[in-house]
Amino acid sequence: MMRDVQVARGIPLWLMQDYLEELGGYVEEDGRVTGPGWTATLTQLEPFRLGSLRVGQVQLVLEGDTETLAELKPQLEKKTMRAGA
């Protein structure tokens, strides 16, 4: 079993849930998202502050077997990629 913890900035919790559902997961009653061979726990964190700028952030904890997460993470990274200036 592998556990991967990361923080995503600039992506609302509801949108991260949608992305995980698009990757085969479904939202449990307790808010966790469960997919084939993996579970994701999302937690809304305090906004990240840089001067007067405030950016929302979500902690994502992915748990599953190593092979499954190795396939899931690149797919999720494509969905969460944001273009910058």
C-alpha atoms as a PDB file:
ATOM      1  CA  MET A   1       0.000   0.000   0.000  1.00  0.00           C
ATOM      2  CA  MET A   2       1.323   3.424  -0.965  1.00  0.00           C
ATOM      3  CA  ARG A   3       0.329   6.823   0.442  1.00  0.00           C
ATOM      4  CA  ASP A   4       0.966  10.055  -1.470  1.00  0.00           C
ATOM      5  CA  VAL A   5       0.253  13.461   0.078  1.00  0.00           C
ATOM      6  CA  GLN A   6       0.257  16.656  -1.969  1.00  0.00           C
ATOM      7  CA  VAL A   7      -1.183  20.159  -1.901  1.00  0.00           C
ATOM      8  CA  ALA A   8      -2.918  21.571  -4.966  1.00  0.00           C
ATOM      9  CA  ARG A   9      -3.154  25.343  -5.192  1.00  0.00           C
ATOM     10  CA  GLY A  10      -5.677  27.192  -7.304  1.00  0.00           C
ATOM     11  CA  ILE A  11      -8.022  24.213  -7.709  1.00  0.00           C
ATOM     12  CA  PRO A  12     -11.225  24.209  -5.652  1.00  0.00           C
ATOM     13  CA  LEU A  13     -12.096  21.085  -3.687  1.00  0.00           C
ATOM     14  CA  TRP A  14     -15.262  20.469  -5.754  1.00  0.00           C
ATOM     15  CA  LEU A  15     -13.247  20.569  -8.987  1.00  0.00           C
ATOM     16  CA  MET A  16     -10.651  18.132  -7.637  1.00  0.00           C
ATOM     17  CA  GLN A  17     -13.530  15.817  -6.699  1.00  0.00           C
ATOM     18  CA  ASP A  18     -14.872  16.112 -10.262  1.00  0.00           C
ATOM     19  CA  TYR A  19     -11.460  15.234 -11.711  1.00  0.00           C
ATOM     20  CA  LEU A  20     -11.220  12.156  -9.497  1.00  0.00           C
ATOM     21  CA  GLU A  21     -14.722  11.092 -10.519  1.00  0.00           C
ATOM     22  CA  GLU A  22     -13.728  11.450 -14.176  1.00  0.00           C
ATOM     23  CA  LEU A  23     -10.864   9.046 -13.429  1.00  0.00           C
ATOM     24  CA  GLY A  24     -13.265   6.361 -12.212  1.00  0.00           C
ATOM     25  CA  GLY A  25     -13.904   7.380  -8.616  1.00  0.00           C
ATOM     26  CA  TYR A  26     -17.127   8.008  -6.743  1.00  0.00           C
ATOM     27  CA  VAL A  27     -17.741  10.248  -3.748  1.00  0.00           C
ATOM     28  CA  GLU A  28     -18.476   8.413  -0.495  1.00  0.00           C
ATOM     29  CA  GLU A  29     -20.832   9.794   2.174  1.00  0.00           C
ATOM     30  CA  ASP A  30     -17.844  10.934   4.246  1.00  0.00           C
ATOM     31  CA  GLY A  31     -16.417  12.927   1.294  1.00  0.00           C
ATOM     32  CA  ARG A  32     -13.655  10.502   0.357  1.00  0.00           C
ATOM     33  CA  VAL A  33     -13.386   9.566  -3.300  1.00  0.00           C
ATOM     34  CA  THR A  34     -12.934   5.854  -3.984  1.00  0.00           C
ATOM     35  CA  GLY A  35     -11.825   4.402  -7.290  1.00  0.00           C
ATOM     36  CA  PRO A  36     -10.645   1.035  -8.569  1.00  0.00           C
ATOM     37  CA  GLY A  37      -7.723   0.231  -6.259  1.00  0.00           C
ATOM     38  CA  TRP A  38      -7.372   3.712  -4.755  1.00  0.00           C
ATOM     39  CA  THR A  39      -8.890   6.135  -2.252  1.00  0.00           C
ATOM     40  CA  ALA A  40      -8.492   9.920  -2.130  1.00  0.00           C
ATOM     41  CA  THR A  41      -9.096  12.130   0.886  1.00  0.00           C
ATOM     42  CA  LEU A  42      -9.495  15.852   0.173  1.00  0.00           C
ATOM     43  CA  THR A  43      -9.161  18.569   2.791  1.00  0.00           C
ATOM     44  CA  GLN A  44      -9.749  22.276   2.203  1.00  0.00           C
ATOM     45  CA  LEU A  45      -6.764  24.197   3.621  1.00  0.00           C
ATOM     46  CA  GLU A  46      -6.395  27.837   4.573  1.00  0.00           C
ATOM     47  CA  PRO A  47      -5.679  29.991   1.515  1.00  0.00           C
ATOM     48  CA  PHE A  48      -2.030  30.404   0.516  1.00  0.00           C
ATOM     49  CA  ARG A  49      -1.018  34.042   0.881  1.00  0.00           C
ATOM     50  CA  LEU A  50       1.587  35.889  -1.110  1.00  0.00           C
ATOM     51  CA  GLY A  51       1.397  39.554  -0.209  1.00  0.00           C
ATOM     52  CA  SER A  52      -2.196  40.615  -0.882  1.00  0.00           C
ATOM     53  CA  LEU A  53      -2.822  37.594  -3.135  1.00  0.00           C
ATOM     54  CA  ARG A  54      -4.827  34.705  -1.665  1.00  0.00           C
ATOM     55  CA  VAL A  55      -5.003  31.365  -3.465  1.00  0.00           C
ATOM     56  CA  GLY A  56      -7.176  28.461  -2.342  1.00  0.00           C
ATOM     57  CA  GLN A  57      -5.493  25.148  -1.682  1.00  0.00           C
ATOM     58  CA  VAL A  58      -6.566  21.564  -1.161  1.00  0.00           C
ATOM     59  CA  GLN A  59      -4.634  18.717   0.441  1.00  0.00           C
ATOM     60  CA  LEU A  60      -4.938  15.482  -1.518  1.00  0.00           C
ATOM     61  CA  VAL A  61      -4.044  12.175   0.123  1.00  0.00           C
ATOM     62  CA  LEU A  62      -4.005   9.274  -2.349  1.00  0.00           C
ATOM     63  CA  GLU A  63      -3.811   5.716  -1.055  1.00  0.00           C
ATOM     64  CA  GLY A  64      -3.601   2.539  -3.078  1.00  0.00           C
ATOM     65  CA  ASP A  65      -1.194  -0.007  -4.437  1.00  0.00           C
ATOM     66  CA  THR A  66       1.965   1.328  -6.062  1.00  0.00           C
ATOM     67  CA  GLU A  67       1.076   0.231  -9.584  1.00  0.00           C
ATOM     68  CA  THR A  68      -2.417   1.744  -9.479  1.00  0.00           C
ATOM     69  CA  LEU A  69      -1.173   5.103  -8.175  1.00  0.00           C
ATOM     70  CA  ALA A  70       1.626   5.112 -10.765  1.00  0.00           C
ATOM     71  CA  GLU A  71      -1.090   4.983 -13.441  1.00  0.00           C
ATOM     72  CA  LEU A  72      -3.504   7.395 -11.731  1.00  0.00           C
ATOM     73  CA  LYS A  73      -1.117  10.234 -10.833  1.00  0.00           C
ATOM     74  CA  PRO A  74      -0.078  11.205 -14.410  1.00  0.00           C
ATOM     75  CA  GLN A  75      -3.739  11.251 -15.475  1.00  0.00           C
ATOM     76  CA  LEU A  76      -4.619  13.506 -12.550  1.00  0.00           C
ATOM     77  CA  GLU A  77      -1.607  15.759 -13.239  1.00  0.00           C
ATOM     78  CA  LYS A  78      -2.881  16.337 -16.804  1.00  0.00           C
ATOM     79  CA  LYS A  79      -6.234  17.460 -15.434  1.00  0.00           C
ATOM     80  CA  THR A  80      -4.734  19.791 -12.813  1.00  0.00           C
ATOM     81  CA  MET A  81      -2.119  21.397 -15.074  1.00  0.00           C
ATOM     82  CA  ARG A  82      -2.553  25.143 -15.306  1.00  0.00           C
ATOM     83  CA  ALA A  83      -0.941  27.453 -17.834  1.00  0.00           C
ATOM     84  CA  GLY A  84       0.940  30.448 -16.502  1.00  0.00           C
ATOM     85  CA  ALA A  85       1.860  33.820 -17.936  1.00  0.00           C
END
